PDB file of N, CA and C in Angstrom:
ATOM      1  N   HIS A   1       0.845  -1.180   0.000  1.00  0.00           N
ATOM      2  CA  HIS A   1       0.000   0.000   0.000  1.00  0.00           C
ATOM      3  C   HIS A   1       0.885   1.236   0.000  1.00  0.00           C
ATOM      4  N   VAL A   2       0.636   2.150  -0.923  1.00  0.00           N
ATOM      5  CA  VAL A   2       1.440   3.357  -1.050  1.00  0.00           C
ATOM      6  C   VAL A   2       0.880   4.458  -0.156  1.00  0.00           C
ATOM      7  N   GLN A   3       1.762   5.148   0.535  1.00  0.00           N
ATOM      8  CA  GLN A   3       1.361   6.315   1.324  1.00  0.00           C
ATOM      9  C   GLN A   3       2.015   7.565   0.766  1.00  0.00           C
ATOM     10  N   LEU A   4       1.246   8.630   0.700  1.00  0.00           N
ATOM     11  CA  LEU A   4       1.707   9.891   0.124  1.00  0.00           C
ATOM     12  C   LEU A   4       1.537  10.986   1.166  1.00  0.00           C
ATOM     13  N   VAL A   5       2.606  11.729   1.429  1.00  0.00           N
ATOM     14  CA  VAL A   5       2.548  12.811   2.403  1.00  0.00           C
ATOM     15  C   VAL A   5       3.146  14.068   1.781  1.00  0.00           C
ATOM     16  N   GLU A   6       2.305  15.078   1.584  1.00  0.00           N
ATOM     17  CA  GLU A   6       2.750  16.332   0.986  1.00  0.00           C
ATOM     18  C   GLU A   6       3.295  17.285   2.043  1.00  0.00           C
ATOM     19  N   SER A   7       4.176  18.151   1.600  1.00  0.00           N
ATOM     20  CA  SER A   7       4.693  19.213   2.460  1.00  0.00           C
ATOM     21  C   SER A   7       5.085  20.392   1.586  1.00  0.00           C
ATOM     22  N   GLY A   8       5.332  21.521   2.227  1.00  0.00           N
ATOM     23  CA  GLY A   8       5.810  22.690   1.499  1.00  0.00           C
ATOM     24  C   GLY A   8       4.768  23.757   1.268  1.00  0.00           C
ATOM     25  N   GLY A   9       3.511  23.485   1.560  1.00  0.00           N
ATOM     26  CA  GLY A   9       2.485  24.502   1.396  1.00  0.00           C
ATOM     27  C   GLY A   9       2.739  25.693   2.307  1.00  0.00           C
ATOM     28  N   ASP A  10       2.395  26.883   1.812  1.00  0.00           N
ATOM     29  CA  ASP A  10       2.684  28.096   2.585  1.00  0.00           C
ATOM     30  C   ASP A  10       1.864  29.256   2.024  1.00  0.00           C
ATOM     31  N   SER A  11       1.989  30.394   2.671  1.00  0.00           N
ATOM     32  CA  SER A  11       1.399  31.633   2.163  1.00  0.00           C
ATOM     33  C   SER A  11       2.503  32.440   1.499  1.00  0.00           C
ATOM     34  N   VAL A  12       2.263  32.867   0.258  1.00  0.00           N
ATOM     35  CA  VAL A  12       3.259  33.639  -0.496  1.00  0.00           C
ATOM     36  C   VAL A  12       2.582  34.822  -1.166  1.00  0.00           C
ATOM     37  N   GLN A  13       3.392  35.770  -1.583  1.00  0.00           N
ATOM     38  CA  GLN A  13       2.863  36.933  -2.292  1.00  0.00           C
ATOM     39  C   GLN A  13       2.806  36.674  -3.781  1.00  0.00           C
ATOM     40  N   THR A  14       1.955  37.425  -4.444  1.00  0.00           N
ATOM     41  CA  THR A  14       1.833  37.330  -5.899  1.00  0.00           C
ATOM     42  C   THR A  14       3.198  37.492  -6.555  1.00  0.00           C
ATOM     43  N   GLY A  15       3.469  36.609  -7.495  1.00  0.00           N
ATOM     44  CA  GLY A  15       4.750  36.632  -8.192  1.00  0.00           C
ATOM     45  C   GLY A  15       5.804  35.754  -7.551  1.00  0.00           C
ATOM     46  N   GLY A  16       5.494  35.223  -6.389  1.00  0.00           N
ATOM     47  CA  GLY A  16       6.448  34.402  -5.662  1.00  0.00           C
ATOM     48  C   GLY A  16       6.528  32.980  -6.176  1.00  0.00           C
ATOM     49  N   SER A  17       7.414  32.221  -5.550  1.00  0.00           N
ATOM     50  CA  SER A  17       7.629  30.825  -5.914  1.00  0.00           C
ATOM     51  C   SER A  17       7.473  29.945  -4.682  1.00  0.00           C
ATOM     52  N   LEU A  18       7.204  28.670  -4.958  1.00  0.00           N
ATOM     53  CA  LEU A  18       7.038  27.708  -3.866  1.00  0.00           C
ATOM     54  C   LEU A  18       7.368  26.322  -4.405  1.00  0.00           C
ATOM     55  N   ARG A  19       7.938  25.498  -3.559  1.00  0.00           N
ATOM     56  CA  ARG A  19       8.248  24.122  -3.952  1.00  0.00           C
ATOM     57  C   ARG A  19       7.508  23.175  -3.029  1.00  0.00           C
ATOM     58  N   LEU A  20       6.662  22.352  -3.610  1.00  0.00           N
ATOM     59  CA  LEU A  20       5.954  21.329  -2.866  1.00  0.00           C
ATOM     60  C   LEU A  20       6.683  20.005  -3.013  1.00  0.00           C
ATOM     61  N   SER A  21       6.616  19.190  -1.962  1.00  0.00           N
ATOM     62  CA  SER A  21       7.258  17.890  -2.015  1.00  0.00           C
ATOM     63  C   SER A  21       6.297  16.824  -1.512  1.00  0.00           C
ATOM     64  N   CYS A  22       6.385  15.652  -2.092  1.00  0.00           N
ATOM     65  CA  CYS A  22       5.560  14.518  -1.692  1.00  0.00           C
ATOM     66  C   CYS A  22       6.484  13.361  -1.321  1.00  0.00           C
ATOM     67  N   SER A  23       6.367  12.918  -0.089  1.00  0.00           N
ATOM     68  CA  SER A  23       7.138  11.768   0.358  1.00  0.00           C
ATOM     69  C   SER A  23       6.338  10.501   0.069  1.00  0.00           C
ATOM     70  N   ILE A  24       6.971   9.546  -0.606  1.00  0.00           N
ATOM     71  CA  ILE A  24       6.303   8.332  -1.062  1.00  0.00           C
ATOM     72  C   ILE A  24       6.845   7.139  -0.287  1.00  0.00           C
ATOM     73  N   SER A  25       5.961   6.392   0.340  1.00  0.00           N
ATOM     74  CA  SER A  25       6.403   5.187   1.032  1.00  0.00           C
ATOM     75  C   SER A  25       5.532   4.018   0.595  1.00  0.00           C
ATOM     76  N   GLY A  26       6.049   2.848   0.755  1.00  0.00           N
ATOM     77  CA  GLY A  26       5.359   1.675   0.281  1.00  0.00           C
ATOM     78  C   GLY A  26       5.861   1.288  -1.098  1.00  0.00           C
ATOM     79  N   TYR A  27       5.340   0.215  -1.660  1.00  0.00           N
ATOM     80  CA  TYR A  27       5.846  -0.279  -2.939  1.00  0.00           C
ATOM     81  C   TYR A  27       5.181   0.436  -4.112  1.00  0.00           C
ATOM     82  N   THR A  28       5.984   0.880  -5.059  1.00  0.00           N
ATOM     83  CA  THR A  28       5.441   1.513  -6.261  1.00  0.00           C
ATOM     84  C   THR A  28       5.976   0.803  -7.493  1.00  0.00           C
ATOM     85  N   TYR A  29       5.133   0.608  -8.463  1.00  0.00           N
ATOM     86  CA  TYR A  29       5.519  -0.043  -9.706  1.00  0.00           C
ATOM     87  C   TYR A  29       6.035   1.001 -10.685  1.00  0.00           C
ATOM     88  N   ARG A  30       7.047   0.621 -11.452  1.00  0.00           N
ATOM     89  CA  ARG A  30       7.599   1.563 -12.415  1.00  0.00           C
ATOM     90  C   ARG A  30       6.584   1.941 -13.482  1.00  0.00           C
ATOM     91  N   ARG A  31       5.557   1.152 -13.652  1.00  0.00           N
ATOM     92  CA  ARG A  31       4.529   1.488 -14.643  1.00  0.00           C
ATOM     93  C   ARG A  31       3.580   2.559 -14.140  1.00  0.00           C
ATOM     94  N   TYR A  32       3.678   2.901 -12.837  1.00  0.00           N
ATOM     95  CA  TYR A  32       2.808   3.928 -12.283  1.00  0.00           C
ATOM     96  C   TYR A  32       3.170   5.291 -12.854  1.00  0.00           C
ATOM     97  N   SER A  33       2.153   6.127 -12.892  1.00  0.00           N
ATOM     98  CA  SER A  33       2.373   7.554 -13.054  1.00  0.00           C
ATOM     99  C   SER A  33       2.004   8.235 -11.744  1.00  0.00           C
ATOM    100  N   MET A  34       2.655   9.346 -11.480  1.00  0.00           N
ATOM    101  CA  MET A  34       2.308  10.145 -10.319  1.00  0.00           C
ATOM    102  C   MET A  34       2.149  11.584 -10.761  1.00  0.00           C
ATOM    103  N   GLY A  35       1.429  12.332  -9.957  1.00  0.00           N
ATOM    104  CA  GLY A  35       1.184  13.703 -10.380  1.00  0.00           C
ATOM    105  C   GLY A  35       0.703  14.581  -9.254  1.00  0.00           C
ATOM    106  N   TRP A  36       0.327  15.785  -9.644  1.00  0.00           N
ATOM    107  CA  TRP A  36      -0.197  16.780  -8.728  1.00  0.00           C
ATOM    108  C   TRP A  36      -1.549  17.289  -9.223  1.00  0.00           C
ATOM    109  N   PHE A  37      -2.477  17.371  -8.284  1.00  0.00           N
ATOM    110  CA  PHE A  37      -3.779  17.982  -8.507  1.00  0.00           C
ATOM    111  C   PHE A  37      -3.933  19.136  -7.533  1.00  0.00           C
ATOM    112  N   ARG A  38      -4.952  19.940  -7.744  1.00  0.00           N
ATOM    113  CA  ARG A  38      -5.274  20.975  -6.772  1.00  0.00           C
ATOM    114  C   ARG A  38      -6.777  21.202  -6.748  1.00  0.00           C
ATOM    115  N   GLN A  39      -7.230  21.775  -5.635  1.00  0.00           N
ATOM    116  CA  GLN A  39      -8.632  22.143  -5.515  1.00  0.00           C
ATOM    117  C   GLN A  39      -8.726  23.519  -4.893  1.00  0.00           C
ATOM    118  N   ALA A  40      -9.194  24.469  -5.694  1.00  0.00           N
ATOM    119  CA  ALA A  40      -9.403  25.830  -5.217  1.00  0.00           C
ATOM    120  C   ALA A  40     -10.758  25.931  -4.525  1.00  0.00           C
ATOM    121  N   PRO A  41     -10.936  26.916  -3.650  1.00  0.00           N
ATOM    122  CA  PRO A  41     -12.218  27.064  -2.951  1.00  0.00           C
ATOM    123  C   PRO A  41     -13.389  27.166  -3.919  1.00  0.00           C
ATOM    124  N   GLY A  42     -14.394  26.325  -3.721  1.00  0.00           N
ATOM    125  CA  GLY A  42     -15.584  26.362  -4.553  1.00  0.00           C
ATOM    126  C   GLY A  42     -15.423  25.775  -5.934  1.00  0.00           C
ATOM    127  N   LYS A  43     -14.291  25.152  -6.212  1.00  0.00           N
ATOM    128  CA  LYS A  43     -14.050  24.586  -7.550  1.00  0.00           C
ATOM    129  C   LYS A  43     -13.757  23.093  -7.467  1.00  0.00           C
ATOM    130  N   ASP A  44     -13.862  22.437  -8.612  1.00  0.00           N
ATOM    131  CA  ASP A  44     -13.539  21.018  -8.681  1.00  0.00           C
ATOM    132  C   ASP A  44     -12.031  20.810  -8.643  1.00  0.00           C
ATOM    133  N   ARG A  45     -11.645  19.601  -8.304  1.00  0.00           N
ATOM    134  CA  ARG A  45     -10.228  19.274  -8.346  1.00  0.00           C
ATOM    135  C   ARG A  45      -9.764  19.227  -9.797  1.00  0.00           C
ATOM    136  N   GLU A  46      -8.563  19.735 -10.061  1.00  0.00           N
ATOM    137  CA  GLU A  46      -8.022  19.740 -11.424  1.00  0.00           C
ATOM    138  C   GLU A  46      -6.602  19.196 -11.430  1.00  0.00           C
ATOM    139  N   GLY A  47      -6.304  18.438 -12.483  1.00  0.00           N
ATOM    140  CA  GLY A  47      -4.968  17.905 -12.647  1.00  0.00           C
ATOM    141  C   GLY A  47      -4.015  18.959 -13.171  1.00  0.00           C
ATOM    142  N   LEU A  48      -2.781  18.950 -12.657  1.00  0.00           N
ATOM    143  CA  LEU A  48      -1.780  19.931 -13.057  1.00  0.00           C
ATOM    144  C   LEU A  48      -0.645  19.309 -13.861  1.00  0.00           C
ATOM    145  N   ALA A  49      -0.104  18.219 -13.373  1.00  0.00           N
ATOM    146  CA  ALA A  49       1.064  17.633 -14.026  1.00  0.00           C
ATOM    147  C   ALA A  49       1.181  16.172 -13.628  1.00  0.00           C
ATOM    148  N   ARG A  50       1.765  15.385 -14.518  1.00  0.00           N
ATOM    149  CA  ARG A  50       2.024  13.982 -14.204  1.00  0.00           C
ATOM    150  C   ARG A  50       3.369  13.566 -14.773  1.00  0.00           C
ATOM    151  N   ILE A  51       3.921  12.507 -14.203  1.00  0.00           N
ATOM    152  CA  ILE A  51       5.189  11.975 -14.659  1.00  0.00           C
ATOM    153  C   ILE A  51       5.180  10.479 -14.434  1.00  0.00           C
ATOM    154  N   SER A  52       5.785   9.737 -15.341  1.00  0.00           N
ATOM    155  CA  SER A  52       5.852   8.284 -15.211  1.00  0.00           C
ATOM    156  C   SER A  52       7.044   7.899 -14.359  1.00  0.00           C
ATOM    157  N   LEU A  53       6.839   6.992 -13.409  1.00  0.00           N
ATOM    158  CA  LEU A  53       7.955   6.549 -12.584  1.00  0.00           C
ATOM    159  C   LEU A  53       8.985   5.775 -13.406  1.00  0.00           C
ATOM    160  N   GLY A  54       8.579   5.294 -14.563  1.00  0.00           N
ATOM    161  CA  GLY A  54       9.494   4.556 -15.417  1.00  0.00           C
ATOM    162  C   GLY A  54      10.297   5.442 -16.338  1.00  0.00           C
ATOM    163  N   GLY A  55      10.065   6.742 -16.292  1.00  0.00           N
ATOM    164  CA  GLY A  55      10.797   7.667 -17.144  1.00  0.00           C
ATOM    165  C   GLY A  55       9.910   8.235 -18.221  1.00  0.00           C
ATOM    166  N   GLY A  56      10.435   9.131 -19.016  1.00  0.00           N
ATOM    167  CA  GLY A  56       9.657   9.791 -20.046  1.00  0.00           C
ATOM    168  C   GLY A  56       9.398  11.243 -19.698  1.00  0.00           C
ATOM    169  N   ARG A  57       8.855  11.945 -20.651  1.00  0.00           N
ATOM    170  CA  ARG A  57       8.635  13.374 -20.475  1.00  0.00           C
ATOM    171  C   ARG A  57       7.415  13.632 -19.609  1.00  0.00           C
ATOM    172  N   PRO A  58       7.479  14.632 -18.759  1.00  0.00           N
ATOM    173  CA  PRO A  58       6.304  15.000 -17.970  1.00  0.00           C
ATOM    174  C   PRO A  58       5.214  15.582 -18.862  1.00  0.00           C
ATOM    175  N   TYR A  59       4.002  15.551 -18.362  1.00  0.00           N
ATOM    176  CA  TYR A  59       2.864  16.165 -19.051  1.00  0.00           C
ATOM    177  C   TYR A  59       2.272  17.229 -18.144  1.00  0.00           C
ATOM    178  N   TYR A  60       1.937  18.392 -18.736  1.00  0.00           N
ATOM    179  CA  TYR A  60       1.381  19.500 -17.963  1.00  0.00           C
ATOM    180  C   TYR A  60       0.033  19.921 -18.514  1.00  0.00           C
ATOM    181  N   ALA A  61      -0.889  20.197 -17.612  1.00  0.00           N
ATOM    182  CA  ALA A  61      -2.142  20.825 -18.015  1.00  0.00           C
ATOM    183  C   ALA A  61      -1.872  22.301 -18.304  1.00  0.00           C
ATOM    184  N   ASN A  62      -2.796  22.942 -18.990  1.00  0.00           N
ATOM    185  CA  ASN A  62      -2.600  24.346 -19.381  1.00  0.00           C
ATOM    186  C   ASN A  62      -2.343  25.242 -18.166  1.00  0.00           C
ATOM    187  N   ALA A  63      -2.993  24.941 -17.050  1.00  0.00           N
ATOM    188  CA  ALA A  63      -2.835  25.785 -15.860  1.00  0.00           C
ATOM    189  C   ALA A  63      -1.422  25.741 -15.307  1.00  0.00           C
ATOM    190  N   ALA A  64      -0.672  24.693 -15.661  1.00  0.00           N
ATOM    191  CA  ALA A  64       0.663  24.510 -15.096  1.00  0.00           C
ATOM    192  C   ALA A  64       1.784  24.786 -16.103  1.00  0.00           C
ATOM    193  N   LYS A  65       1.464  24.844 -17.368  1.00  0.00           N
ATOM    194  CA  LYS A  65       2.496  25.016 -18.395  1.00  0.00           C
ATOM    195  C   LYS A  65       3.287  26.297 -18.198  1.00  0.00           C
ATOM    196  N   ASP A  66       4.578  26.210 -18.357  1.00  0.00           N
ATOM    197  CA  ASP A  66       5.509  27.348 -18.325  1.00  0.00           C
ATOM    198  C   ASP A  66       5.727  27.923 -16.930  1.00  0.00           C
ATOM    199  N   ARG A  67       4.945  27.495 -15.922  1.00  0.00           N
ATOM    200  CA  ARG A  67       5.141  28.031 -14.569  1.00  0.00           C
ATOM    201  C   ARG A  67       5.484  26.955 -13.546  1.00  0.00           C
ATOM    202  N   PHE A  68       5.037  25.725 -13.792  1.00  0.00           N
ATOM    203  CA  PHE A  68       5.237  24.642 -12.825  1.00  0.00           C
ATOM    204  C   PHE A  68       6.148  23.588 -13.430  1.00  0.00           C
ATOM    205  N   THR A  69       6.939  22.942 -12.582  1.00  0.00           N
ATOM    206  CA  THR A  69       7.809  21.858 -13.030  1.00  0.00           C
ATOM    207  C   THR A  69       7.676  20.688 -12.066  1.00  0.00           C
ATOM    208  N   ILE A  70       7.346  19.534 -12.615  1.00  0.00           N
ATOM    209  CA  ILE A  70       7.232  18.324 -11.810  1.00  0.00           C
ATOM    210  C   ILE A  70       8.529  17.534 -11.943  1.00  0.00           C
ATOM    211  N   SER A  71       8.961  16.943 -10.835  1.00  0.00           N
ATOM    212  CA  SER A  71      10.186  16.151 -10.886  1.00  0.00           C
ATOM    213  C   SER A  71      10.107  15.041  -9.848  1.00  0.00           C
ATOM    214  N   GLN A  72      10.874  14.001 -10.078  1.00  0.00           N
ATOM    215  CA  GLN A  72      10.886  12.876  -9.161  1.00  0.00           C
ATOM    216  C   GLN A  72      12.313  12.536  -8.790  1.00  0.00           C
ATOM    217  N   ASP A  73      12.485  12.003  -7.606  1.00  0.00           N
ATOM    218  CA  ASP A  73      13.784  11.507  -7.162  1.00  0.00           C
ATOM    219  C   ASP A  73      13.534  10.091  -6.660  1.00  0.00           C
ATOM    220  N   ASN A  74      13.841   9.118  -7.504  1.00  0.00           N
ATOM    221  CA  ASN A  74      13.545   7.730  -7.148  1.00  0.00           C
ATOM    222  C   ASN A  74      14.398   7.245  -5.983  1.00  0.00           C
ATOM    223  N   ALA A  75      15.575   7.804  -5.840  1.00  0.00           N
ATOM    224  CA  ALA A  75      16.452   7.396  -4.739  1.00  0.00           C
ATOM    225  C   ALA A  75      15.910   7.888  -3.396  1.00  0.00           C
ATOM    226  N   LYS A  76      15.346   9.104  -3.402  1.00  0.00           N
ATOM    227  CA  LYS A  76      14.804   9.680  -2.169  1.00  0.00           C
ATOM    228  C   LYS A  76      13.323   9.387  -2.001  1.00  0.00           C
ATOM    229  N   HIS A  77      12.716   8.814  -3.037  1.00  0.00           N
ATOM    230  CA  HIS A  77      11.274   8.510  -3.008  1.00  0.00           C
ATOM    231  C   HIS A  77      10.444   9.763  -2.779  1.00  0.00           C
ATOM    232  N   THR A  78      10.715  10.768  -3.564  1.00  0.00           N
ATOM    233  CA  THR A  78       9.954  12.012  -3.478  1.00  0.00           C
ATOM    234  C   THR A  78       9.483  12.454  -4.850  1.00  0.00           C
ATOM    235  N   LEU A  79       8.417  13.227  -4.831  1.00  0.00           N
ATOM    236  CA  LEU A  79       7.863  13.838  -6.034  1.00  0.00           C
ATOM    237  C   LEU A  79       7.672  15.314  -5.716  1.00  0.00           C
ATOM    238  N   ASP A  80       8.265  16.182  -6.497  1.00  0.00           N
ATOM    239  CA  ASP A  80       8.217  17.615  -6.225  1.00  0.00           C
ATOM    240  C   ASP A  80       7.425  18.374  -7.284  1.00  0.00           C
ATOM    241  N   LEU A  81       6.947  19.536  -6.872  1.00  0.00           N
ATOM    242  CA  LEU A  81       6.311  20.456  -7.814  1.00  0.00           C
ATOM    243  C   LEU A  81       6.870  21.843  -7.529  1.00  0.00           C
ATOM    244  N   GLN A  82       7.677  22.342  -8.446  1.00  0.00           N
ATOM    245  CA  GLN A  82       8.226  23.690  -8.341  1.00  0.00           C
ATOM    246  C   GLN A  82       7.275  24.648  -9.025  1.00  0.00           C
ATOM    247  N   MET A  83       6.817  25.663  -8.290  1.00  0.00           N
ATOM    248  CA  MET A  83       5.845  26.605  -8.828  1.00  0.00           C
ATOM    249  C   MET A  83       6.428  28.011  -8.818  1.00  0.00           C
ATOM    250  N   SER A  84       6.197  28.751  -9.889  1.00  0.00           N
ATOM    251  CA  SER A  84       6.702  30.116  -9.958  1.00  0.00           C
ATOM    252  C   SER A  84       5.621  31.033 -10.511  1.00  0.00           C
ATOM    253  N   SER A  85       5.870  32.331 -10.415  1.00  0.00           N
ATOM    254  CA  SER A  85       4.934  33.357 -10.900  1.00  0.00           C
ATOM    255  C   SER A  85       3.522  33.111 -10.375  1.00  0.00           C
ATOM    256  N   LEU A  86       3.438  32.863  -9.102  1.00  0.00           N
ATOM    257  CA  LEU A  86       2.145  32.516  -8.499  1.00  0.00           C
ATOM    258  C   LEU A  86       1.215  33.718  -8.440  1.00  0.00           C
ATOM    259  N   THR A  87      -0.063  33.445  -8.619  1.00  0.00           N
ATOM    260  CA  THR A  87      -1.106  34.466  -8.531  1.00  0.00           C
ATOM    261  C   THR A  87      -2.169  34.001  -7.548  1.00  0.00           C
ATOM    262  N   PRO A  88      -3.057  34.895  -7.131  1.00  0.00           N
ATOM    263  CA  PRO A  88      -4.124  34.471  -6.209  1.00  0.00           C
ATOM    264  C   PRO A  88      -4.969  33.320  -6.763  1.00  0.00           C
ATOM    265  N   GLU A  89      -5.033  33.196  -8.097  1.00  0.00           N
ATOM    266  CA  GLU A  89      -5.783  32.086  -8.698  1.00  0.00           C
ATOM    267  C   GLU A  89      -5.152  30.733  -8.435  1.00  0.00           C
ATOM    268  N   ASP A  90      -3.920  30.717  -7.972  1.00  0.00           N
ATOM    269  CA  ASP A  90      -3.243  29.472  -7.623  1.00  0.00           C
ATOM    270  C   ASP A  90      -3.532  29.044  -6.183  1.00  0.00           C
ATOM    271  N   THR A  91      -4.266  29.847  -5.452  1.00  0.00           N
ATOM    272  CA  THR A  91      -4.634  29.488  -4.087  1.00  0.00           C
ATOM    273  C   THR A  91      -5.502  28.237  -4.108  1.00  0.00           C
ATOM    274  N   ALA A  92      -5.052  27.202  -3.404  1.00  0.00           N
ATOM    275  CA  ALA A  92      -5.750  25.917  -3.446  1.00  0.00           C
ATOM    276  C   ALA A  92      -5.083  24.947  -2.477  1.00  0.00           C
ATOM    277  N   VAL A  93      -5.747  23.816  -2.276  1.00  0.00           N
ATOM    278  CA  VAL A  93      -5.098  22.679  -1.625  1.00  0.00           C
ATOM    279  C   VAL A  93      -4.485  21.830  -2.723  1.00  0.00           C
ATOM    280  N   TYR A  94      -3.214  21.505  -2.583  1.00  0.00           N
ATOM    281  CA  TYR A  94      -2.485  20.753  -3.598  1.00  0.00           C
ATOM    282  C   TYR A  94      -2.282  19.320  -3.117  1.00  0.00           C
ATOM    283  N   TYR A  95      -2.570  18.383  -4.025  1.00  0.00           N
ATOM    284  CA  TYR A  95      -2.536  16.967  -3.693  1.00  0.00           C
ATOM    285  C   TYR A  95      -1.526  16.223  -4.559  1.00  0.00           C
ATOM    286  N   CYS A  96      -0.785  15.356  -3.933  1.00  0.00           N
ATOM    287  CA  CYS A  96       0.056  14.386  -4.622  1.00  0.00           C
ATOM    288  C   CYS A  96      -0.801  13.150  -4.883  1.00  0.00           C
ATOM    289  N   VAL A  97      -0.696  12.581  -6.092  1.00  0.00           N
ATOM    290  CA  VAL A  97      -1.570  11.469  -6.446  1.00  0.00           C
ATOM    291  C   VAL A  97      -0.807  10.381  -7.182  1.00  0.00           C
ATOM    292  N   VAL A  98      -1.369   9.181  -7.126  1.00  0.00           N
ATOM    293  CA  VAL A  98      -0.957   8.085  -7.994  1.00  0.00           C
ATOM    294  C   VAL A  98      -2.012   7.981  -9.091  1.00  0.00           C
ATOM    295  N   LEU A  99      -1.559   7.804 -10.320  1.00  0.00           N
ATOM    296  CA  LEU A  99      -2.456   7.828 -11.473  1.00  0.00           C
ATOM    297  C   LEU A  99      -2.321   6.558 -12.299  1.00  0.00           C
ATOM    298  N   ASN A 100      -3.380   6.201 -12.961  1.00  0.00           N
ATOM    299  CA  ASN A 100      -3.248   5.236 -14.037  1.00  0.00           C
ATOM    300  C   ASN A 100      -2.394   5.868 -15.131  1.00  0.00           C
ATOM    301  N   PRO A 101      -1.628   5.072 -15.850  1.00  0.00           N
ATOM    302  CA  PRO A 101      -0.702   5.632 -16.838  1.00  0.00           C
ATOM    303  C   PRO A 101      -1.389   6.445 -17.926  1.00  0.00           C
ATOM    304  N   CYS A 102      -0.682   7.444 -18.414  1.00  0.00           N
ATOM    305  CA  CYS A 102      -1.058   8.193 -19.615  1.00  0.00           C
ATOM    306  C   CYS A 102      -2.358   8.974 -19.461  1.00  0.00           C
ATOM    307  N   SER A 103      -2.673   9.418 -18.266  1.00  0.00           N
ATOM    308  CA  SER A 103      -3.888  10.208 -18.079  1.00  0.00           C
ATOM    309  C   SER A 103      -3.722  11.169 -16.922  1.00  0.00           C
ATOM    310  N   LEU A 104      -4.385  12.311 -17.023  1.00  0.00           N
ATOM    311  CA  LEU A 104      -4.387  13.278 -15.931  1.00  0.00           C
ATOM    312  C   LEU A 104      -5.830  13.623 -15.565  1.00  0.00           C
ATOM    313  N   SER A 105      -6.727  12.719 -15.859  1.00  0.00           N
ATOM    314  CA  SER A 105      -8.123  12.967 -15.522  1.00  0.00           C
ATOM    315  C   SER A 105      -8.392  12.618 -14.064  1.00  0.00           C
ATOM    316  N   LEU A 106      -9.445  13.199 -13.526  1.00  0.00           N
ATOM    317  CA  LEU A 106      -9.833  12.904 -12.150  1.00  0.00           C
ATOM    318  C   LEU A 106     -10.117  11.407 -11.985  1.00  0.00           C
ATOM    319  N   ALA A 107     -10.706  10.811 -12.995  1.00  0.00           N
ATOM    320  CA  ALA A 107     -11.060   9.388 -12.925  1.00  0.00           C
ATOM    321  C   ALA A 107      -9.844   8.481 -12.919  1.00  0.00           C
ATOM    322  N   SER A 108      -8.688   8.995 -13.344  1.00  0.00           N
ATOM    323  CA  SER A 108      -7.494   8.168 -13.420  1.00  0.00           C
ATOM    324  C   SER A 108      -6.724   8.106 -12.104  1.00  0.00           C
ATOM    325  N   VAL A 109      -7.130   8.918 -11.118  1.00  0.00           N
ATOM    326  CA  VAL A 109      -6.438   8.935  -9.836  1.00  0.00           C
ATOM    327  C   VAL A 109      -6.818   7.698  -9.031  1.00  0.00           C
ATOM    328  N   THR A 110      -5.801   6.986  -8.562  1.00  0.00           N
ATOM    329  CA  THR A 110      -6.052   5.779  -7.771  1.00  0.00           C
ATOM    330  C   THR A 110      -5.750   5.986  -6.280  1.00  0.00           C
ATOM    331  N   GLN A 111      -4.994   7.041  -5.986  1.00  0.00           N
ATOM    332  CA  GLN A 111      -4.687   7.315  -4.584  1.00  0.00           C
ATOM    333  C   GLN A 111      -4.359   8.790  -4.408  1.00  0.00           C
ATOM    334  N   TRP A 112      -4.805   9.347  -3.281  1.00  0.00           N
ATOM    335  CA  TRP A 112      -4.594  10.747  -2.953  1.00  0.00           C
ATOM    336  C   TRP A 112      -3.761  10.899  -1.687  1.00  0.00           C
ATOM    337  N   GLY A 113      -2.936  11.951  -1.667  1.00  0.00           N
ATOM    338  CA  GLY A 113      -2.341  12.361  -0.412  1.00  0.00           C
ATOM    339  C   GLY A 113      -3.349  13.183   0.377  1.00  0.00           C
ATOM    340  N   GLN A 114      -2.931  13.696   1.532  1.00  0.00           N
ATOM    341  CA  GLN A 114      -3.862  14.433   2.385  1.00  0.00           C
ATOM    342  C   GLN A 114      -3.969  15.900   1.983  1.00  0.00           C
ATOM    343  N   GLY A 115      -3.041  16.382   1.168  1.00  0.00           N
ATOM    344  CA  GLY A 115      -3.098  17.748   0.669  1.00  0.00           C
ATOM    345  C   GLY A 115      -2.280  18.718   1.490  1.00  0.00           C
ATOM    346  N   THR A 116      -1.844  19.797   0.834  1.00  0.00           N
ATOM    347  CA  THR A 116      -1.119  20.866   1.507  1.00  0.00           C
ATOM    348  C   THR A 116      -1.641  22.198   0.964  1.00  0.00           C
ATOM    349  N   GLN A 117      -1.861  23.161   1.858  1.00  0.00           N
ATOM    350  CA  GLN A 117      -2.499  24.415   1.487  1.00  0.00           C
ATOM    351  C   GLN A 117      -1.481  25.421   0.941  1.00  0.00           C
ATOM    352  N   VAL A 118      -1.822  25.999  -0.206  1.00  0.00           N
ATOM    353  CA  VAL A 118      -1.047  27.096  -0.790  1.00  0.00           C
ATOM    354  C   VAL A 118      -1.959  28.307  -0.876  1.00  0.00           C
ATOM    355  N   THR A 119      -1.505  29.421  -0.313  1.00  0.00           N
ATOM    356  CA  THR A 119      -2.286  30.648  -0.350  1.00  0.00           C
ATOM    357  C   THR A 119      -1.436  31.749  -0.961  1.00  0.00           C
ATOM    358  N   VAL A 120      -1.959  32.391  -1.993  1.00  0.00           N
ATOM    359  CA  VAL A 120      -1.241  33.469  -2.677  1.00  0.00           C
ATOM    360  C   VAL A 120      -2.053  34.753  -2.522  1.00  0.00           C
ATOM    361  N   SER A 121      -1.411  35.804  -2.022  1.00  0.00           N
ATOM    362  CA  SER A 121      -2.122  37.070  -1.826  1.00  0.00           C
ATOM    363  C   SER A 121      -1.321  38.247  -2.363  1.00  0.00           C
TER     364      SER A 121
END
């Protein structure tokens, strides 16, 4: 059973940067994909980025393109999300997830972390 624990959420000013990290424990298959979702107040959860544990290029949703970077460290068992040029619209709870391969849809998520709050003002 995989456990996901996010950290790094904080309050930042508009234009600032933040790095989120997800600690991964338990057994993970290289065929898995992992990613980041978020849920803003009053809105549905949306996928931001995913990456295959087996390698390959990351995939970004439009909301994350050019501002967010997803990365993994298989040796440290972590998944990070580097965010820059943040705006108040990025205020949300951010979740680390395990995904079925090749998809960033809500239906493809098989496991969620507990979330970490990001507030931009």
